[in-house]
Amino acid sequence: MITVNIMDAAMTYSKESGYVGRVHFSVEGHTHDYEITLHSKRGTEWGYGLFFLNQSGKEEQLEEVEDELEENDELFDQLVQAAKDKLAPK
């Protein structure tokens, strides 16, 4: 289990693109911060990309976060909710 600190989040919605969001976060014990980009046409099933935020870090650490996101629905939902909380009202 990893400990995540959310630093920033954003989300937009358009009829054409659906929901597009991003969350910047740090992981306890990791040298570099991360960005997850999120996309969902209807706001239910989410696709994502995970990247280092400002500069590349250790591939093993990125893979550790990726594995945790795949296994830990609560963590993934926390990141999605952080972005959804920033969605401007329609």
N, C-alpha and C. Protein backbone atom coordinates (compact mmCIF):
# COMPACT_ATOMS: atom_id res chain seq x y z
N MET A 1 0.86 -1.18 0.00
CA MET A 1 0.00 0.00 0.00
C MET A 1 0.90 1.24 0.00
N ILE A 2 0.63 2.16 -0.91
CA ILE A 2 1.41 3.39 -1.00
C ILE A 2 0.60 4.55 -0.43
N THR A 3 1.30 5.56 0.04
CA THR A 3 0.65 6.76 0.57
C THR A 3 0.80 7.87 -0.44
N VAL A 4 -0.35 8.47 -0.84
CA VAL A 4 -0.40 9.48 -1.88
C VAL A 4 -0.81 10.82 -1.28
N ASN A 5 -0.18 11.89 -1.77
CA ASN A 5 -0.56 13.25 -1.41
C ASN A 5 -0.95 13.97 -2.69
N ILE A 6 -2.22 14.37 -2.78
CA ILE A 6 -2.71 15.07 -3.97
C ILE A 6 -2.33 16.53 -3.87
N MET A 7 -1.65 17.03 -4.92
CA MET A 7 -1.16 18.40 -4.94
C MET A 7 -2.07 19.31 -5.76
N ASP A 8 -2.64 18.80 -6.85
CA ASP A 8 -3.46 19.62 -7.73
C ASP A 8 -4.33 18.69 -8.57
N ALA A 9 -5.48 19.20 -8.97
CA ALA A 9 -6.38 18.40 -9.81
C ALA A 9 -7.22 19.34 -10.66
N ALA A 10 -7.71 18.81 -11.78
CA ALA A 10 -8.58 19.58 -12.67
C ALA A 10 -9.39 18.61 -13.51
N MET A 11 -10.57 19.07 -13.96
CA MET A 11 -11.37 18.28 -14.88
C MET A 11 -12.25 19.21 -15.70
N THR A 12 -12.43 18.83 -16.95
CA THR A 12 -13.33 19.56 -17.84
C THR A 12 -14.31 18.55 -18.43
N TYR A 13 -15.40 19.08 -18.97
CA TYR A 13 -16.38 18.24 -19.66
C TYR A 13 -16.84 18.96 -20.91
N SER A 14 -16.91 18.21 -21.99
CA SER A 14 -17.55 18.71 -23.21
C SER A 14 -18.31 17.54 -23.83
N LYS A 15 -19.34 17.87 -24.55
CA LYS A 15 -20.15 16.84 -25.19
C LYS A 15 -19.31 16.01 -26.16
N GLU A 16 -18.38 16.65 -26.84
CA GLU A 16 -17.55 15.98 -27.83
C GLU A 16 -16.50 15.06 -27.18
N SER A 17 -15.83 15.55 -26.15
CA SER A 17 -14.71 14.82 -25.55
C SER A 17 -15.08 14.03 -24.31
N GLY A 18 -16.18 14.34 -23.69
CA GLY A 18 -16.53 13.70 -22.43
C GLY A 18 -15.76 14.36 -21.29
N TYR A 19 -15.41 13.57 -20.30
CA TYR A 19 -14.69 14.06 -19.12
C TYR A 19 -13.19 13.86 -19.33
N VAL A 20 -12.44 14.93 -19.14
CA VAL A 20 -10.98 14.88 -19.26
C VAL A 20 -10.41 15.53 -18.00
N GLY A 21 -9.60 14.77 -17.28
CA GLY A 21 -9.06 15.29 -16.03
C GLY A 21 -7.59 14.97 -15.86
N ARG A 22 -7.02 15.58 -14.83
CA ARG A 22 -5.63 15.30 -14.47
C ARG A 22 -5.48 15.51 -12.98
N VAL A 23 -4.57 14.77 -12.40
CA VAL A 23 -4.25 14.91 -10.97
C VAL A 23 -2.74 14.85 -10.83
N HIS A 24 -2.19 15.82 -10.13
CA HIS A 24 -0.77 15.82 -9.78
C HIS A 24 -0.67 15.32 -8.34
N PHE A 25 0.24 14.37 -8.12
CA PHE A 25 0.35 13.81 -6.76
C PHE A 25 1.76 13.33 -6.50
N SER A 26 2.07 13.23 -5.23
CA SER A 26 3.35 12.67 -4.80
C SER A 26 3.08 11.36 -4.08
N VAL A 27 4.09 10.52 -4.02
CA VAL A 27 4.01 9.24 -3.33
C VAL A 27 5.11 9.22 -2.29
N GLU A 28 4.73 8.89 -1.07
CA GLU A 28 5.69 8.85 0.03
C GLU A 28 6.85 7.92 -0.31
N GLY A 29 8.08 8.43 -0.17
CA GLY A 29 9.27 7.65 -0.43
C GLY A 29 9.75 7.69 -1.87
N HIS A 30 8.99 8.33 -2.76
CA HIS A 30 9.41 8.43 -4.16
C HIS A 30 10.05 9.80 -4.39
N THR A 31 11.06 9.83 -5.24
CA THR A 31 11.83 11.04 -5.49
C THR A 31 11.06 12.06 -6.33
N HIS A 32 10.29 11.59 -7.31
CA HIS A 32 9.62 12.49 -8.25
C HIS A 32 8.11 12.39 -8.14
N ASP A 33 7.44 13.46 -8.53
CA ASP A 33 5.98 13.52 -8.48
C ASP A 33 5.39 12.94 -9.77
N TYR A 34 4.09 12.71 -9.72
CA TYR A 34 3.38 12.05 -10.83
C TYR A 34 2.21 12.87 -11.31
N GLU A 35 1.79 12.57 -12.54
CA GLU A 35 0.55 13.10 -13.09
C GLU A 35 -0.22 11.92 -13.67
N ILE A 36 -1.50 11.84 -13.32
CA ILE A 36 -2.38 10.88 -13.96
C ILE A 36 -3.37 11.68 -14.78
N THR A 37 -3.52 11.30 -16.04
CA THR A 37 -4.54 11.90 -16.89
C THR A 37 -5.70 10.92 -16.97
N LEU A 38 -6.90 11.45 -16.98
CA LEU A 38 -8.11 10.64 -16.92
C LEU A 38 -9.04 10.99 -18.06
N HIS A 39 -9.74 10.00 -18.59
CA HIS A 39 -10.72 10.26 -19.63
C HIS A 39 -11.89 9.29 -19.48
N SER A 40 -13.09 9.83 -19.64
CA SER A 40 -14.29 9.00 -19.65
C SER A 40 -15.35 9.69 -20.49
N LYS A 41 -15.95 8.96 -21.38
CA LYS A 41 -17.00 9.53 -22.23
C LYS A 41 -18.23 9.89 -21.40
N ARG A 42 -18.61 9.03 -20.45
CA ARG A 42 -19.83 9.25 -19.67
C ARG A 42 -19.59 9.48 -18.18
N GLY A 43 -18.36 9.40 -17.72
CA GLY A 43 -18.07 9.60 -16.30
C GLY A 43 -18.23 8.34 -15.48
N THR A 44 -18.20 7.19 -16.14
CA THR A 44 -18.35 5.93 -15.39
C THR A 44 -17.12 5.03 -15.55
N GLU A 45 -16.78 4.69 -16.76
CA GLU A 45 -15.60 3.86 -17.04
C GLU A 45 -14.44 4.80 -17.39
N TRP A 46 -13.33 4.68 -16.66
CA TRP A 46 -12.22 5.62 -16.81
C TRP A 46 -11.00 4.97 -17.44
N GLY A 47 -10.43 5.64 -18.43
CA GLY A 47 -9.12 5.30 -18.95
C GLY A 47 -8.11 6.27 -18.36
N TYR A 48 -6.87 5.88 -18.28
CA TYR A 48 -5.88 6.79 -17.69
C TYR A 48 -4.50 6.56 -18.28
N GLY A 49 -3.66 7.57 -18.09
CA GLY A 49 -2.24 7.50 -18.39
C GLY A 49 -1.49 8.00 -17.17
N LEU A 50 -0.40 7.34 -16.82
CA LEU A 50 0.40 7.73 -15.67
C LEU A 50 1.77 8.17 -16.15
N PHE A 51 2.22 9.33 -15.67
CA PHE A 51 3.47 9.94 -16.12
C PHE A 51 4.20 10.56 -14.93
N PHE A 52 5.52 10.74 -15.07
CA PHE A 52 6.24 11.59 -14.13
C PHE A 52 5.82 13.02 -14.41
N LEU A 53 5.71 13.83 -13.37
CA LEU A 53 5.18 15.19 -13.52
C LEU A 53 6.19 16.15 -14.16
N ASN A 54 7.31 16.36 -13.54
CA ASN A 54 8.25 17.38 -14.02
C ASN A 54 9.50 16.83 -14.68
N GLN A 55 9.93 15.69 -14.23
CA GLN A 55 11.13 15.08 -14.80
C GLN A 55 11.06 13.57 -14.60
N SER A 56 11.77 12.86 -15.43
CA SER A 56 11.76 11.41 -15.36
C SER A 56 12.40 10.93 -14.07
N GLY A 57 11.89 9.82 -13.61
CA GLY A 57 12.43 9.19 -12.41
C GLY A 57 12.72 7.73 -12.68
N LYS A 58 12.75 6.95 -11.63
CA LYS A 58 13.04 5.53 -11.75
C LYS A 58 11.84 4.79 -12.29
N GLU A 59 12.07 4.02 -13.33
CA GLU A 59 11.01 3.23 -13.97
C GLU A 59 10.35 2.28 -12.95
N GLU A 60 11.15 1.74 -12.03
CA GLU A 60 10.60 0.82 -11.03
C GLU A 60 9.56 1.51 -10.16
N GLN A 61 9.79 2.78 -9.83
CA GLN A 61 8.83 3.51 -9.00
C GLN A 61 7.54 3.78 -9.78
N LEU A 62 7.67 4.15 -11.05
CA LEU A 62 6.49 4.36 -11.88
C LEU A 62 5.69 3.06 -11.98
N GLU A 63 6.36 1.94 -12.18
CA GLU A 63 5.69 0.65 -12.27
C GLU A 63 5.02 0.28 -10.95
N GLU A 64 5.64 0.64 -9.83
CA GLU A 64 5.04 0.38 -8.52
C GLU A 64 3.72 1.13 -8.38
N VAL A 65 3.69 2.40 -8.80
CA VAL A 65 2.46 3.19 -8.74
C VAL A 65 1.42 2.61 -9.70
N GLU A 66 1.84 2.25 -10.89
CA GLU A 66 0.94 1.64 -11.88
C GLU A 66 0.30 0.37 -11.32
N ASP A 67 1.11 -0.48 -10.72
CA ASP A 67 0.60 -1.73 -10.14
C ASP A 67 -0.40 -1.43 -9.03
N GLU A 68 -0.09 -0.45 -8.21
CA GLU A 68 -0.99 -0.08 -7.11
C GLU A 68 -2.32 0.43 -7.65
N LEU A 69 -2.29 1.23 -8.70
CA LEU A 69 -3.53 1.73 -9.30
C LEU A 69 -4.38 0.59 -9.86
N GLU A 70 -3.72 -0.42 -10.42
CA GLU A 70 -4.44 -1.57 -10.98
C GLU A 70 -5.08 -2.42 -9.87
N GLU A 71 -4.41 -2.52 -8.74
CA GLU A 71 -4.87 -3.38 -7.65
C GLU A 71 -5.77 -2.68 -6.64
N ASN A 72 -5.58 -1.38 -6.47
CA ASN A 72 -6.23 -0.64 -5.38
C ASN A 72 -7.31 0.29 -5.94
N ASP A 73 -8.53 -0.22 -6.03
CA ASP A 73 -9.64 0.58 -6.56
C ASP A 73 -9.88 1.83 -5.72
N GLU A 74 -9.66 1.74 -4.43
CA GLU A 74 -9.88 2.88 -3.54
C GLU A 74 -8.94 4.03 -3.89
N LEU A 75 -7.69 3.72 -4.16
CA LEU A 75 -6.73 4.75 -4.55
C LEU A 75 -7.12 5.37 -5.89
N PHE A 76 -7.45 4.53 -6.87
CA PHE A 76 -7.84 5.05 -8.18
C PHE A 76 -9.08 5.94 -8.04
N ASP A 77 -10.06 5.48 -7.28
CA ASP A 77 -11.28 6.27 -7.08
C ASP A 77 -10.98 7.60 -6.38
N GLN A 78 -10.02 7.60 -5.46
CA GLN A 78 -9.62 8.83 -4.77
C GLN A 78 -9.06 9.84 -5.77
N LEU A 79 -8.25 9.39 -6.72
CA LEU A 79 -7.69 10.29 -7.72
C LEU A 79 -8.76 10.79 -8.67
N VAL A 80 -9.66 9.91 -9.10
CA VAL A 80 -10.76 10.33 -9.97
C VAL A 80 -11.63 11.35 -9.25
N GLN A 81 -11.95 11.10 -7.99
CA GLN A 81 -12.80 12.01 -7.24
C GLN A 81 -12.14 13.37 -7.05
N ALA A 82 -10.83 13.40 -6.84
CA ALA A 82 -10.11 14.67 -6.71
C ALA A 82 -10.29 15.51 -7.96
N ALA A 83 -10.21 14.87 -9.13
CA ALA A 83 -10.41 15.59 -10.39
C ALA A 83 -11.87 16.01 -10.55
N LYS A 84 -12.80 15.10 -10.25
CA LYS A 84 -14.22 15.39 -10.39
C LYS A 84 -14.64 16.55 -9.49
N ASP A 85 -14.02 16.66 -8.33
CA ASP A 85 -14.33 17.74 -7.40
C ASP A 85 -13.99 19.11 -7.99
N LYS A 86 -13.12 19.13 -8.99
CA LYS A 86 -12.72 20.40 -9.62
C LYS A 86 -13.50 20.70 -10.90
N LEU A 87 -14.43 19.83 -11.25
CA LEU A 87 -15.23 20.03 -12.45
C LEU A 87 -16.14 21.23 -12.28
N ALA A 88 -16.05 22.14 -13.22
CA ALA A 88 -16.90 23.34 -13.16
C ALA A 88 -18.35 22.95 -13.37
N PRO A 89 -19.26 23.57 -12.63
CA PRO A 89 -20.69 23.26 -12.82
C PRO A 89 -21.12 23.58 -14.24
N LYS A 90 -22.06 22.76 -14.76
CA LYS A 90 -22.54 22.94 -16.13
C LYS A 90 -23.51 24.11 -16.20
